[in-house]
Amino acid sequence: MRLELESIEINDIQEGSKTFAEDCVLYVNLKELEELILGDSRIASVDINLVYPGDKTRILNVQDVVQPRCKVDKENADFPGFINKMQIAGDGKTRSLKGVAVIVSNPSTNRRESGLLDMSGPAAELSPYGKMKNVSIALYAADGVEERDFEDAVKNAGLLTAVYLAKGAEGHPVSQVEVYDLDIPNLDNNLPRVACYYQAYSPQFDYLAVSDRIVYGTALTNMVPTVYHPNEILDGGFVGWNALKAIDTYSIQNHGVIKELLKNHGKTLNFVGVVAVSANMNAESRERCACMSANLIKNVLGADGAILVKILGGMPHIDISATGEECEKLGVKTAVFTTPLTAVGTLSDTILFNSESLDLIITSCAPFERTKVPFKAEKFLGGTAETRIYHPEPVVQYAGDPEIDVEQYLLAGVHDHTGSAKVVVKEY
């Protein structure tokens, strides 16, 4: 399975009479894009805006962020299972636009915790998305559409927009080509074989008792651990949740740990594959998942070592430690990602496990770190100045307040559970 990712650098976006790219500028026919999105009967209307770094704009109720991408050599193969028929992702040529993102908002959400993105000010400095030229889409539900069904429509609209923009750049010179291929001839068998354990979801965040569809159009919850080619994850087989929790489609498309392993494949290590799982809510399921994951890593993929990547939440801590211990029992050396679960206390206070065999622990980010953001927006997208901003304590605050106090996992792009965030956790 060979994936060629052809990237085009976009330095500016402008409204145009047609959608195309020229001299690193992406021109977007907003009316045509609107008609495409409204092809879904679950969506009554959509607000589309082009936003730029330095704008005094706050984007609210962010459900997802997507990098514009499309398949170049296959028809109807983008984000299979979501907006196209089911097929395996990860093979062939994909066009990718750098420097631009689709910011997807659901203004009518009833979720208490919603993401936000500032395009200037201190929060914009923390987020890579605050430095990009972005297409913001905010979607409104048609009458009678159930809330969870509409969330899926919002997700699909973001994916459709991403594909539309990438297709529009056809013919523009490519600035970079990355090739991802595990089948490198003459691999050095003396190199260590390394697998990635990718914990992609936690049902503790199920909304209205329904899991988000994140893998080929279905939910990962209650699926047994499964082996995937890493290209499937980078190329649209996996997408973000229906809520922003230090993870989104953009970060999965650029999965930090997987891309680093692919970069070193055949040089310092042999990358043998990915085992993807959901976290578990009870001890019996957790034990089953840990044993099955370790067996796949050791006896199917033949790994000597494994990097274990976790998702947001406390239950995922327990799962990742159980899997790590099972791997170590089988002789597989592990590196385990963790995150502090509170904004106070020491790292050891919130690790939730203590195992002598797990002696390589990576603190990837501190998602619950509280940040006071002084910023007076002049424009609000995906909401209004009166939109409530979540606070973990009984504090009432609104988007238009001169300063908000927010946990960092709700700031789009600041934290990234795939290992790409430029955040360092230090204990003083």
Protein backbone atom coordinates (compact mmCIF):
# COMPACT_ATOMS: atom_id res chain seq x y z
CA MET A 1 0.00 0.00 0.00
CA ARG A 2 1.69 3.16 -1.24
CA LEU A 3 0.36 6.65 -0.52
CA GLU A 4 1.70 9.71 -2.32
CA LEU A 5 0.68 12.92 -0.59
CA GLU A 6 1.04 15.86 -2.98
CA SER A 7 1.00 19.15 -1.05
CA ILE A 8 0.25 22.61 -2.43
CA GLU A 9 1.22 25.63 -0.36
CA ILE A 10 -1.63 28.15 -0.07
CA ASN A 11 -0.59 31.65 1.00
CA ASP A 12 -3.96 33.37 0.58
CA ILE A 13 -7.65 32.64 0.01
CA GLN A 14 -10.07 34.93 -1.81
CA GLU A 15 -13.66 34.78 -3.00
CA GLY A 16 -13.89 34.12 -6.72
CA SER A 17 -16.33 33.42 -9.55
CA LYS A 18 -14.95 29.90 -9.69
CA THR A 19 -12.87 27.71 -7.39
CA PHE A 20 -9.25 27.37 -8.47
CA ALA A 21 -5.69 27.97 -7.29
CA GLU A 22 -3.11 30.19 -8.91
CA ASP A 23 0.22 31.49 -7.63
CA CYS A 24 -0.44 29.96 -4.20
CA VAL A 25 -3.79 31.77 -3.91
CA LEU A 26 -6.98 29.73 -3.52
CA TYR A 27 -10.07 31.37 -5.01
CA VAL A 28 -13.39 30.01 -3.73
CA ASN A 29 -16.83 30.22 -5.33
CA LEU A 30 -18.80 30.56 -2.11
CA LYS A 31 -22.18 30.17 -3.83
CA GLU A 32 -21.17 26.90 -5.46
CA LEU A 33 -19.82 25.64 -2.13
CA GLU A 34 -23.08 26.60 -0.41
CA GLU A 35 -25.10 24.65 -2.98
CA LEU A 36 -22.89 21.62 -2.46
CA ILE A 37 -23.39 21.70 1.31
CA LEU A 38 -27.15 22.24 1.05
CA GLY A 39 -27.41 19.07 -1.01
CA ASP A 40 -27.81 17.36 2.38
CA SER A 41 -31.51 17.68 3.29
CA ARG A 42 -30.63 17.69 6.99
CA ILE A 43 -29.05 21.14 6.59
CA ALA A 44 -31.34 24.16 6.26
CA SER A 45 -28.68 26.84 5.79
CA VAL A 46 -24.97 27.52 6.08
CA ASP A 47 -22.90 30.62 6.77
CA ILE A 48 -19.56 30.58 4.92
CA ASN A 49 -16.79 33.04 5.71
CA LEU A 50 -13.15 33.43 4.79
CA VAL A 51 -11.06 34.32 7.84
CA TYR A 52 -7.45 35.37 8.14
CA PRO A 53 -4.72 35.64 10.78
CA GLY A 54 -5.01 38.99 12.52
CA ASP A 55 -8.79 39.22 12.12
CA LYS A 56 -10.53 40.21 15.36
CA THR A 57 -12.77 37.20 14.89
CA ARG A 58 -13.80 34.48 17.34
CA ILE A 59 -15.14 31.24 15.83
CA LEU A 60 -17.48 29.43 18.23
CA ASN A 61 -19.05 25.99 18.63
CA VAL A 62 -16.23 24.42 16.64
CA GLN A 63 -17.03 20.75 16.04
CA ASP A 64 -14.15 19.84 13.75
CA VAL A 65 -11.20 21.14 11.74
CA VAL A 66 -10.31 19.51 8.42
CA GLN A 67 -7.35 19.86 6.06
CA PRO A 68 -8.47 20.20 2.42
CA ARG A 69 -7.61 16.94 0.65
CA CYS A 70 -8.87 14.87 -2.27
CA LYS A 71 -7.89 11.73 -4.13
CA VAL A 72 -6.19 12.46 -7.42
CA ASP A 73 -6.29 9.05 -9.11
CA LYS A 74 -9.57 7.59 -7.81
CA GLU A 75 -13.20 8.63 -8.16
CA ASN A 76 -15.52 8.77 -5.13
CA ALA A 77 -12.75 7.63 -2.80
CA ASP A 78 -12.53 10.59 -0.39
CA PHE A 79 -13.34 9.87 3.26
CA PRO A 80 -14.82 6.44 2.48
CA GLY A 81 -17.77 5.39 4.61
CA PHE A 82 -18.53 9.04 5.42
CA ILE A 83 -19.18 10.93 2.16
CA ASN A 84 -18.34 8.17 -0.32
CA LYS A 85 -18.88 4.45 -0.67
CA MET A 86 -16.87 2.11 1.51
CA GLN A 87 -13.40 1.22 0.31
CA ILE A 88 -10.02 1.03 1.97
CA ALA A 89 -8.22 4.36 2.31
CA GLY A 90 -4.49 4.87 2.12
CA ASP A 91 -3.45 3.95 -1.42
CA GLY A 92 -2.76 6.07 -4.50
CA LYS A 93 -2.31 9.82 -4.81
CA THR A 94 -3.87 12.46 -2.56
CA ARG A 95 -3.77 16.23 -3.03
CA SER A 96 -3.36 18.22 0.17
CA LEU A 97 -3.55 21.99 0.72
CA LYS A 98 -1.17 23.47 3.29
CA GLY A 99 -1.76 26.75 5.09
CA VAL A 100 -5.55 26.52 4.96
CA ALA A 101 -8.17 24.68 7.02
CA VAL A 102 -11.92 24.18 7.13
CA ILE A 103 -13.31 25.27 10.51
CA VAL A 104 -16.64 23.50 11.09
CA SER A 105 -19.16 24.99 13.56
CA ASN A 106 -22.49 23.77 14.89
CA PRO A 107 -24.15 26.88 16.39
CA SER A 108 -27.21 24.96 17.62
CA THR A 109 -25.28 22.39 19.63
CA ASN A 110 -26.60 21.54 23.08
CA ARG A 111 -23.26 20.17 24.25
CA ARG A 112 -21.93 22.06 27.26
CA GLU A 113 -18.33 21.93 26.05
CA SER A 114 -17.64 23.42 22.62
CA GLY A 115 -14.42 24.40 20.93
CA LEU A 116 -13.42 27.87 19.85
CA LEU A 117 -10.77 29.51 17.70
CA ASP A 118 -9.55 33.09 17.86
CA MET A 119 -7.90 34.53 14.77
CA SER A 120 -5.85 37.06 16.73
CA GLY A 121 -4.79 37.62 20.31
CA PRO A 122 -3.06 35.22 22.73
CA ALA A 123 -5.17 32.14 21.90
CA ALA A 124 -4.41 32.54 18.18
CA GLU A 125 -0.70 32.54 19.00
CA LEU A 126 -1.08 29.15 20.71
CA SER A 127 -2.92 27.48 17.82
CA PRO A 128 -1.57 26.57 14.38
CA TYR A 129 -5.08 27.21 13.00
CA GLY A 130 -4.89 30.81 14.19
CA LYS A 131 -2.00 31.30 11.77
CA MET A 132 -3.79 29.80 8.75
CA LYS A 133 -6.18 31.23 6.17
CA ASN A 134 -9.43 29.43 6.94
CA VAL A 135 -12.82 28.67 5.47
CA SER A 136 -15.36 28.85 8.29
CA ILE A 137 -18.67 27.04 7.81
CA ALA A 138 -21.50 27.26 10.36
CA LEU A 139 -24.46 24.97 9.72
CA TYR A 140 -28.10 25.12 10.79
CA ALA A 141 -30.46 22.17 11.00
CA ALA A 142 -33.59 21.58 8.95
CA ASP A 143 -36.85 21.14 10.86
CA GLY A 144 -37.34 17.75 12.45
CA VAL A 145 -33.73 16.57 12.24
CA GLU A 146 -32.57 14.79 15.39
CA GLU A 147 -29.59 16.32 17.16
CA ARG A 148 -27.17 13.42 16.71
CA ASP A 149 -28.18 12.95 13.08
CA PHE A 150 -27.50 16.63 12.47
CA GLU A 151 -24.06 16.36 14.07
CA ASP A 152 -23.22 13.71 11.48
CA ALA A 153 -24.46 16.07 8.77
CA VAL A 154 -22.18 18.79 10.16
CA LYS A 155 -19.24 16.38 10.11
CA ASN A 156 -19.94 15.38 6.51
CA ALA A 157 -20.29 19.02 5.44
CA GLY A 158 -16.79 19.70 6.73
CA LEU A 159 -15.40 16.72 4.83
CA LEU A 160 -17.25 17.71 1.64
CA THR A 161 -15.88 21.25 1.90
CA ALA A 162 -12.35 19.95 2.36
CA VAL A 163 -12.63 17.79 -0.76
CA TYR A 164 -14.21 20.62 -2.78
CA LEU A 165 -11.37 23.01 -1.97
CA ALA A 166 -8.66 20.47 -2.74
CA LYS A 167 -10.26 19.54 -6.06
CA GLY A 168 -10.36 23.20 -6.97
CA ALA A 169 -6.55 23.35 -6.78
CA GLU A 170 -6.16 20.90 -9.67
CA GLY A 171 -3.38 21.96 -12.02
CA HIS A 172 -1.49 24.07 -9.48
CA PRO A 173 2.19 23.15 -9.12
CA VAL A 174 2.92 20.83 -6.22
CA SER A 175 5.31 22.12 -3.55
CA GLN A 176 6.05 18.81 -1.81
CA VAL A 177 5.47 15.08 -2.32
CA GLU A 178 5.59 12.71 0.65
CA VAL A 179 5.58 8.96 0.00
CA TYR A 180 4.33 6.59 2.68
CA ASP A 181 5.05 2.95 1.93
CA LEU A 182 5.82 0.17 4.40
CA ASP A 183 6.90 -2.20 1.62
CA ILE A 184 10.41 -0.84 1.21
CA PRO A 185 12.65 -3.32 -0.66
CA ASN A 186 15.60 -4.74 1.24
CA LEU A 187 14.48 -3.76 4.71
CA ASP A 188 17.18 -4.23 7.32
CA ASN A 189 15.90 -7.07 9.47
CA ASN A 190 18.33 -6.06 12.19
CA LEU A 191 16.32 -2.90 12.87
CA PRO A 192 13.77 -3.02 15.71
CA ARG A 193 10.17 -3.68 14.68
CA VAL A 194 7.89 -1.00 16.13
CA ALA A 195 4.08 -0.83 16.25
CA CYS A 196 1.71 2.00 17.18
CA TYR A 197 -1.20 1.39 19.55
CA TYR A 198 -3.67 4.12 18.65
CA GLN A 199 -6.43 4.73 21.17
CA ALA A 200 -8.82 6.72 18.98
CA TYR A 201 -11.97 7.20 21.07
CA SER A 202 -13.44 6.96 24.56
CA PRO A 203 -17.14 6.18 25.12
CA GLN A 204 -17.04 8.19 28.35
CA PHE A 205 -17.70 11.12 26.00
CA ASP A 206 -20.68 9.54 24.23
CA TYR A 207 -23.31 12.22 23.78
CA LEU A 208 -26.95 11.21 24.29
CA ALA A 209 -25.62 7.66 24.78
CA VAL A 210 -24.42 7.45 21.16
CA SER A 211 -20.79 7.02 20.09
CA ASP A 212 -19.33 9.24 17.39
CA ARG A 213 -18.70 7.66 13.98
CA ILE A 214 -14.98 8.05 13.40
CA VAL A 215 -13.78 4.97 11.45
CA TYR A 216 -14.99 4.39 7.90
CA GLY A 217 -18.36 5.86 8.85
CA THR A 218 -18.96 3.73 11.93
CA ALA A 219 -18.26 3.91 15.66
CA LEU A 220 -15.14 2.33 17.12
CA THR A 221 -16.82 1.60 20.46
CA ASN A 222 -17.32 -2.14 21.15
CA MET A 223 -15.12 -3.11 18.20
CA VAL A 224 -12.32 -5.49 19.11
CA PRO A 225 -8.75 -4.22 18.63
CA THR A 226 -8.02 -4.13 14.91
CA VAL A 227 -4.86 -3.88 12.82
CA TYR A 228 -4.76 -1.01 10.30
CA HIS A 229 -2.20 0.11 7.79
CA PRO A 230 -0.96 3.56 8.96
CA ASN A 231 -1.90 5.05 5.57
CA GLU A 232 -5.58 4.33 6.28
CA ILE A 233 -5.47 6.70 9.24
CA LEU A 234 -3.66 9.50 7.38
CA ASP A 235 -5.83 9.24 4.26
CA GLY A 236 -9.40 9.61 5.50
CA GLY A 237 -10.30 6.25 7.01
CA PHE A 238 -10.36 7.92 10.44
CA VAL A 239 -11.84 11.36 11.22
CA GLY A 240 -12.39 13.56 14.27
CA TRP A 241 -15.12 13.31 16.86
CA ASN A 242 -18.36 15.27 16.84
CA ALA A 243 -16.82 17.53 19.47
CA LEU A 244 -13.44 19.18 19.83
CA LYS A 245 -11.45 17.53 22.64
CA ALA A 246 -7.79 18.05 21.77
CA ILE A 247 -8.40 16.01 18.61
CA ASP A 248 -9.85 16.82 15.20
CA THR A 249 -9.71 15.50 11.66
CA TYR A 250 -6.82 17.80 10.72
CA SER A 251 -4.63 16.37 13.49
CA ILE A 252 -5.53 12.79 12.51
CA GLN A 253 -4.69 13.51 8.85
CA ASN A 254 -1.28 14.60 10.16
CA HIS A 255 -0.96 12.07 12.99
CA GLY A 256 2.27 13.03 14.73
CA VAL A 257 3.40 9.63 16.00
CA ILE A 258 2.42 7.75 12.85
CA LYS A 259 4.16 10.25 10.53
CA GLU A 260 7.32 10.13 12.64
CA LEU A 261 7.36 6.34 12.54
CA LEU A 262 6.83 6.40 8.77
CA LYS A 263 9.65 8.93 8.37
CA ASN A 264 12.03 6.61 10.20
CA HIS A 265 10.77 3.40 8.59
CA GLY A 266 13.63 1.45 7.02
CA LYS A 267 16.20 3.83 8.55
CA THR A 268 16.23 3.49 12.33
CA LEU A 269 13.28 1.12 12.73
CA ASN A 270 10.79 -1.00 10.83
CA PHE A 271 7.24 0.30 11.31
CA VAL A 272 5.00 -2.78 11.27
CA GLY A 273 1.51 -1.29 11.64
CA VAL A 274 -1.17 0.20 13.87
CA VAL A 275 -3.55 -1.41 16.35
CA ALA A 276 -6.54 0.92 16.82
CA VAL A 277 -8.92 0.65 19.75
CA SER A 278 -11.51 2.47 21.79
CA ALA A 279 -11.08 2.95 25.53
CA ASN A 280 -13.30 0.83 27.76
CA MET A 281 -15.72 1.60 30.55
CA ASN A 282 -15.45 -1.58 32.63
CA ALA A 283 -12.72 -3.90 33.89
CA GLU A 284 -13.80 -6.97 31.88
CA SER A 285 -13.74 -5.14 28.55
CA ARG A 286 -10.49 -3.44 29.47
CA GLU A 287 -8.76 -6.74 30.23
CA ARG A 288 -10.03 -8.29 26.99
CA CYS A 289 -8.90 -5.31 24.94
CA ALA A 290 -5.47 -5.17 26.58
CA CYS A 291 -4.79 -8.88 26.03
CA MET A 292 -6.01 -8.82 22.43
CA SER A 293 -4.06 -5.66 21.61
CA ALA A 294 -0.83 -7.03 23.06
CA ASN A 295 -1.32 -10.29 21.17
CA LEU A 296 -1.79 -8.45 17.87
CA ILE A 297 1.26 -6.27 18.52
CA LYS A 298 3.52 -9.20 19.46
CA ASN A 299 2.25 -12.24 17.57
CA VAL A 300 0.61 -10.74 14.48
CA LEU A 301 2.75 -7.67 13.81
CA GLY A 302 5.84 -9.23 15.36
CA ALA A 303 6.82 -6.00 17.11
CA ASP A 304 9.79 -5.61 19.42
CA GLY A 305 8.48 -2.29 20.69
CA ALA A 306 5.29 -0.26 20.70
CA ILE A 307 4.34 3.39 21.15
CA LEU A 308 1.01 3.68 22.96
CA VAL A 309 -0.96 6.84 22.14
CA LYS A 310 -3.93 7.82 24.30
CA ILE A 311 -6.99 9.99 23.87
CA LEU A 312 -8.52 12.54 26.28
CA GLY A 313 -9.90 11.29 29.57
CA GLY A 314 -9.17 9.27 32.69
CA MET A 315 -10.48 5.88 31.56
CA PRO A 316 -8.01 5.91 28.64
CA HIS A 317 -5.17 6.19 31.20
CA ILE A 318 -6.19 2.91 32.79
CA ASP A 319 -6.60 1.20 29.41
CA ILE A 320 -3.23 2.29 28.11
CA SER A 321 -1.46 1.09 31.25
CA ALA A 322 -3.22 -2.30 31.10
CA THR A 323 -2.21 -2.72 27.45
CA GLY A 324 1.34 -1.61 28.17
CA GLU A 325 1.68 -4.15 30.97
CA GLU A 326 0.40 -6.95 28.72
CA CYS A 327 2.88 -5.93 26.02
CA GLU A 328 5.76 -5.94 28.49
CA LYS A 329 4.76 -9.44 29.68
CA LEU A 330 5.17 -10.63 26.09
CA GLY A 331 8.57 -8.99 25.78
CA VAL A 332 7.45 -5.92 23.83
CA LYS A 333 9.11 -2.73 25.07
CA THR A 334 6.69 0.18 25.39
CA ALA A 335 6.64 3.96 25.35
CA VAL A 336 3.40 5.21 26.92
CA PHE A 337 1.75 8.58 26.30
CA THR A 338 -0.11 10.17 29.21
CA THR A 339 -1.63 13.56 30.02
CA PRO A 340 -2.23 15.31 33.36
CA LEU A 341 -5.92 15.17 34.19
CA THR A 342 -6.13 18.36 36.22
CA ALA A 343 -4.58 21.80 36.05
CA VAL A 344 -3.19 21.51 39.60
CA GLY A 345 -1.01 19.01 41.42
CA THR A 346 1.94 16.98 40.17
CA LEU A 347 2.18 14.71 37.15
CA SER A 348 2.33 11.68 39.44
CA ASP A 349 -0.91 12.75 41.12
CA THR A 350 -2.90 12.24 37.92
CA ILE A 351 -1.17 9.38 36.15
CA LEU A 352 -3.65 6.85 37.63
CA PHE A 353 -1.29 3.89 37.33
CA ASN A 354 1.95 2.68 38.90
CA SER A 355 3.76 -0.14 37.15
CA GLU A 356 7.46 -0.92 37.33
CA SER A 357 7.39 -2.35 33.81
CA LEU A 358 6.13 0.93 32.30
CA ASP A 359 9.29 2.97 32.68
CA LEU A 360 9.14 5.14 29.54
CA ILE A 361 6.28 7.60 29.97
CA ILE A 362 5.71 10.60 27.69
CA THR A 363 3.61 13.53 28.84
CA SER A 364 2.27 14.81 25.53
CA CYS A 365 0.17 17.76 26.69
CA ALA A 366 -1.80 19.21 29.60
CA PRO A 367 -5.30 19.54 28.10
CA PHE A 368 -7.02 20.73 31.27
CA GLU A 369 -4.59 23.60 31.82
CA ARG A 370 -6.64 26.73 32.39
CA THR A 371 -5.86 29.81 30.33
CA LYS A 372 -7.24 33.31 30.71
CA VAL A 373 -7.73 34.78 27.26
CA PRO A 374 -8.05 38.58 27.06
CA PHE A 375 -9.52 39.32 23.66
CA LYS A 376 -12.24 41.63 22.41
CA ALA A 377 -13.63 40.15 19.21
CA GLU A 378 -15.30 42.38 16.68
CA LYS A 379 -16.88 39.50 14.78
CA PHE A 380 -18.33 36.17 15.90
CA LEU A 381 -18.84 33.14 13.65
CA GLY A 382 -20.68 29.98 14.65
CA GLY A 383 -22.32 31.86 17.51
CA THR A 384 -22.77 35.33 18.99
CA ALA A 385 -21.27 37.49 21.71
CA GLU A 386 -23.91 35.93 24.01
CA THR A 387 -22.76 32.34 23.35
CA ARG A 388 -21.97 30.65 26.66
CA ILE A 389 -18.35 29.56 27.11
CA TYR A 390 -17.84 26.40 29.17
CA HIS A 391 -16.13 26.70 32.54
CA PRO A 392 -15.44 23.66 34.76
CA GLU A 393 -16.66 25.59 37.79
CA PRO A 394 -20.09 27.26 38.18
CA VAL A 395 -18.87 30.40 36.44
CA VAL A 396 -21.01 32.11 33.82
CA GLN A 397 -19.03 33.59 30.96
CA TYR A 398 -19.83 34.57 27.39
CA ALA A 399 -17.96 34.83 24.09
CA GLY A 400 -18.15 38.62 24.12
CA ASP A 401 -16.59 39.04 27.57
CA PRO A 402 -13.31 40.98 27.53
CA GLU A 403 -11.61 37.95 29.11
CA ILE A 404 -12.58 34.29 29.26
CA ASP A 405 -11.15 31.48 31.39
CA VAL A 406 -11.01 28.28 29.36
CA GLU A 407 -9.43 24.82 29.53
CA GLN A 408 -6.93 24.46 26.72
CA TYR A 409 -8.40 21.31 25.15
CA LEU A 410 -11.31 23.48 23.96
CA LEU A 411 -8.98 25.87 22.10
CA ALA A 412 -8.82 24.45 18.59
CA GLY A 413 -5.35 23.24 17.69
CA VAL A 414 -3.59 24.05 20.96
CA HIS A 415 -3.41 20.41 22.07
CA ASP A 416 -3.17 17.34 19.87
CA HIS A 417 -3.37 13.81 21.22
CA THR A 418 -1.60 12.42 18.14
CA GLY A 419 1.66 13.98 19.32
CA SER A 420 1.93 16.94 16.95
CA ALA A 421 1.27 19.82 19.36
CA LYS A 422 4.12 22.20 20.09
CA VAL A 423 3.38 22.11 23.80
CA VAL A 424 5.85 21.20 26.52
CA VAL A 425 4.67 20.07 29.96
CA LYS A 426 7.04 21.05 32.76
CA GLU A 427 6.74 20.40 36.45
CA TYR A 428 8.11 23.08 38.78
